[in-house]
Amino acid sequence: MSSYVNDWKKVRVATILRIEKIAGWALLFISLLLTVFVVMAIGELEMSFLEILTLISLSLSPMLAAVLLFWHSQYQKKMCDRAAWLENYFSAIPEGKVTLRETAATLGMTTGEAKKLLDRLISGKYLKNCAFSQEDGTNVIVLSGAVHQQGSKAAFEMRTCPGCGAASRQKIGYEGVCPYCGRHF
Protein backbone atom coordinates (compact mmCIF):
# COMPACT_ATOMS: atom_id res chain seq x y z
CA MET A 1 0.00 0.00 0.00
CA SER A 2 1.38 3.39 -0.94
CA SER A 3 1.45 6.28 1.44
CA TYR A 4 0.09 9.72 0.68
CA VAL A 5 0.46 11.26 4.14
CA ASN A 6 3.80 12.59 5.33
CA ASP A 7 4.55 10.74 8.55
CA TRP A 8 7.16 13.30 9.61
CA LYS A 9 4.54 16.05 9.13
CA LYS A 10 2.10 14.19 11.43
CA VAL A 11 4.76 13.86 14.14
CA ARG A 12 5.83 17.49 13.70
CA VAL A 13 2.23 18.74 13.95
CA ALA A 14 1.55 16.61 17.04
CA THR A 15 4.64 18.08 18.73
CA ILE A 16 3.71 21.62 17.70
CA LEU A 17 0.17 21.10 19.02
CA ARG A 18 1.51 20.22 22.46
CA ILE A 19 3.91 23.17 22.49
CA GLU A 20 1.26 25.62 21.28
CA LYS A 21 -1.23 24.46 23.90
CA ILE A 22 1.30 24.89 26.71
CA ALA A 23 2.38 28.29 25.37
CA GLY A 24 -1.26 29.33 24.93
CA TRP A 25 -2.18 28.48 28.51
CA ALA A 26 0.95 30.28 29.76
CA LEU A 27 0.04 33.38 27.75
CA LEU A 28 -3.51 33.32 29.09
CA PHE A 29 -2.18 33.11 32.65
CA ILE A 30 0.23 36.01 32.03
CA SER A 31 -2.57 38.07 30.50
CA LEU A 32 -4.77 37.39 33.52
CA LEU A 33 -2.01 38.45 35.92
CA LEU A 34 -1.28 41.61 33.95
CA THR A 35 -4.96 42.51 33.86
CA VAL A 36 -5.26 42.07 37.64
CA PHE A 37 -2.21 44.30 38.20
CA VAL A 38 -3.56 46.94 35.81
CA VAL A 39 -6.94 47.00 37.55
CA MET A 40 -5.20 47.36 40.92
CA ALA A 41 -2.95 50.13 39.56
CA ILE A 42 -5.90 52.03 38.10
CA GLY A 43 -7.56 52.14 41.50
CA GLU A 44 -4.48 53.46 43.29
CA LEU A 45 -2.94 55.85 40.74
CA GLU A 46 -4.35 58.90 39.06
CA MET A 47 -4.02 58.28 35.34
CA SER A 48 -5.50 59.78 32.22
CA PHE A 49 -7.97 57.83 30.14
CA LEU A 50 -5.34 57.24 27.43
CA GLU A 51 -2.88 55.78 29.96
CA ILE A 52 -5.58 53.47 31.33
CA LEU A 53 -6.52 52.35 27.81
CA THR A 54 -2.86 51.70 26.96
CA LEU A 55 -2.32 49.61 30.09
CA ILE A 56 -5.44 47.55 29.49
CA SER A 57 -4.55 46.89 25.84
CA LEU A 58 -1.00 45.86 26.85
CA SER A 59 -2.34 43.50 29.48
CA LEU A 60 -4.74 41.87 27.02
CA SER A 61 -2.24 41.45 24.14
CA PRO A 62 -0.89 38.09 25.44
CA MET A 63 -4.48 36.85 25.40
CA LEU A 64 -4.71 37.64 21.68
CA ALA A 65 -1.48 35.71 21.08
CA ALA A 66 -2.91 32.75 23.02
CA VAL A 67 -6.09 32.76 20.94
CA LEU A 68 -4.02 32.79 17.74
CA LEU A 69 -1.93 29.86 19.01
CA PHE A 70 -5.05 27.85 19.85
CA TRP A 71 -6.56 28.63 16.44
CA HIS A 72 -3.35 27.65 14.63
CA SER A 73 -3.09 24.34 16.45
CA GLN A 74 -6.69 23.47 15.58
CA TYR A 75 -6.07 24.39 11.93
CA GLN A 76 -3.00 22.12 11.82
CA LYS A 77 -4.96 19.23 13.36
CA LYS A 78 -7.81 19.72 10.90
CA MET A 79 -5.41 19.64 7.94
CA CYS A 80 -3.78 16.40 9.23
CA ASP A 81 -7.22 14.82 9.63
CA ARG A 82 -8.20 15.79 6.08
CA ALA A 83 -4.92 14.41 4.72
CA ALA A 84 -5.51 11.11 6.56
CA TRP A 85 -9.02 10.88 5.12
CA LEU A 86 -7.74 11.57 1.60
CA GLU A 87 -5.02 8.93 2.04
CA ASN A 88 -7.74 6.32 2.67
CA TYR A 89 -9.67 7.60 -0.36
CA PHE A 90 -6.62 7.61 -2.68
CA SER A 91 -5.47 4.18 -1.50
CA ALA A 92 -8.75 2.68 -2.72
CA ILE A 93 -8.20 3.93 -6.29
CA PRO A 94 -6.42 1.23 -8.33
CA GLU A 95 -6.09 3.24 -11.57
CA GLY A 96 -3.48 5.66 -10.23
CA LYS A 97 -5.50 8.75 -11.06
CA VAL A 98 -8.82 10.30 -10.21
CA THR A 99 -10.58 13.34 -11.57
CA LEU A 100 -10.86 16.45 -9.47
CA ARG A 101 -14.63 16.38 -10.04
CA GLU A 102 -14.92 12.87 -8.49
CA THR A 103 -12.78 13.88 -5.53
CA ALA A 104 -14.81 17.06 -5.02
CA ALA A 105 -18.06 15.08 -5.10
CA THR A 106 -16.68 12.63 -2.53
CA LEU A 107 -15.60 15.52 -0.30
CA GLY A 108 -18.97 17.27 -0.74
CA MET A 109 -17.30 20.38 -2.20
CA THR A 110 -17.19 22.27 -5.45
CA THR A 111 -14.24 21.52 -7.71
CA GLY A 112 -12.77 24.94 -6.87
CA GLU A 113 -12.95 24.27 -3.13
CA ALA A 114 -11.49 20.77 -3.55
CA LYS A 115 -8.62 22.10 -5.68
CA LYS A 116 -7.90 24.81 -3.10
CA LEU A 117 -7.90 22.22 -0.28
CA LEU A 118 -5.66 19.81 -2.19
CA ASP A 119 -3.30 22.67 -3.11
CA ARG A 120 -2.99 23.56 0.59
CA LEU A 121 -2.45 19.94 1.60
CA ILE A 122 0.19 19.31 -1.08
CA SER A 123 2.04 22.63 -0.72
CA GLY A 124 1.87 22.38 3.09
CA LYS A 125 3.44 18.89 2.79
CA TYR A 126 0.50 17.17 4.47
CA LEU A 127 0.08 15.02 1.34
CA LYS A 128 2.79 13.48 -0.80
CA ASN A 129 3.00 11.29 -3.91
CA CYS A 130 0.14 13.04 -5.68
CA ALA A 131 -0.02 15.98 -8.08
CA PHE A 132 -2.40 17.79 -10.42
CA SER A 133 -2.38 17.17 -14.16
CA GLN A 134 -4.50 17.96 -17.22
CA GLU A 135 -5.81 15.10 -19.36
CA ASP A 136 -8.15 15.86 -22.26
CA GLY A 137 -9.05 19.20 -20.66
CA THR A 138 -9.97 17.56 -17.35
CA ASN A 139 -8.20 18.24 -14.07
CA VAL A 140 -6.81 14.96 -12.80
CA ILE A 141 -5.07 14.05 -9.56
CA VAL A 142 -2.21 11.71 -10.46
CA LEU A 143 -1.37 9.30 -7.67
CA SER A 144 2.28 8.38 -7.92
CA GLY A 145 2.54 6.03 -4.95
CA ALA A 146 4.51 2.79 -5.19
CA VAL A 147 1.43 0.69 -6.05
CA HIS A 148 0.59 2.98 -8.97
CA GLN A 149 4.13 2.98 -10.45
CA GLN A 150 4.13 -0.65 -11.58
CA GLY A 151 5.26 -1.01 -15.18
CA SER A 152 6.04 2.67 -15.73
CA LYS A 153 9.34 4.49 -15.69
CA ALA A 154 9.56 7.19 -13.07
CA ALA A 155 10.49 10.64 -14.33
CA PHE A 156 13.15 12.66 -12.54
CA GLU A 157 13.95 16.35 -12.20
CA MET A 158 16.69 18.44 -10.63
CA ARG A 159 15.61 20.22 -7.45
CA THR A 160 17.42 22.62 -5.16
CA CYS A 161 17.32 22.00 -1.42
CA PRO A 162 15.86 25.00 0.45
CA GLY A 163 18.06 24.14 3.45
CA CYS A 164 21.60 23.88 2.06
CA GLY A 165 21.12 24.91 -1.59
CA ALA A 166 22.47 21.64 -3.03
CA ALA A 167 21.04 20.35 -6.30
CA SER A 168 19.87 16.75 -6.43
CA ARG A 169 17.95 14.42 -8.75
CA GLN A 170 14.47 13.65 -7.38
CA LYS A 171 11.42 11.75 -8.66
CA ILE A 172 8.66 13.98 -10.00
CA GLY A 173 5.56 13.91 -7.80
CA TYR A 174 7.44 12.60 -4.77
CA GLU A 175 8.62 14.34 -1.67
CA GLY A 176 12.32 15.09 -2.04
CA VAL A 177 14.97 14.38 0.57
CA CYS A 178 18.30 16.19 0.31
CA PRO A 179 21.15 13.65 0.15
CA TYR A 180 23.47 16.16 1.86
CA CYS A 181 21.53 17.63 4.80
CA GLY A 182 18.52 15.27 4.99
CA ARG A 183 15.90 18.02 4.74
CA HIS A 184 12.51 17.12 3.23
CA PHE A 185 11.24 19.33 0.39
Foldseek 3Di string as FASTA:
>chain_A
DFFWFDPVLVVVLVVLLVVLQVQLVVLVVQLVVQQVVLVVCPVVDDDDPVVSVVSNCVSCVSNVVSVVSNVVSVVSVVLLVVLVVVRVVQVPDQQQKDFLCVVCVVVVHHSVVSVVSVVCCVVVRRTAQWDWDADPNTIMIGRRTPSNCPPHDFDWDWDADPPPRDIDIDTPRGWDADPPPGDTD
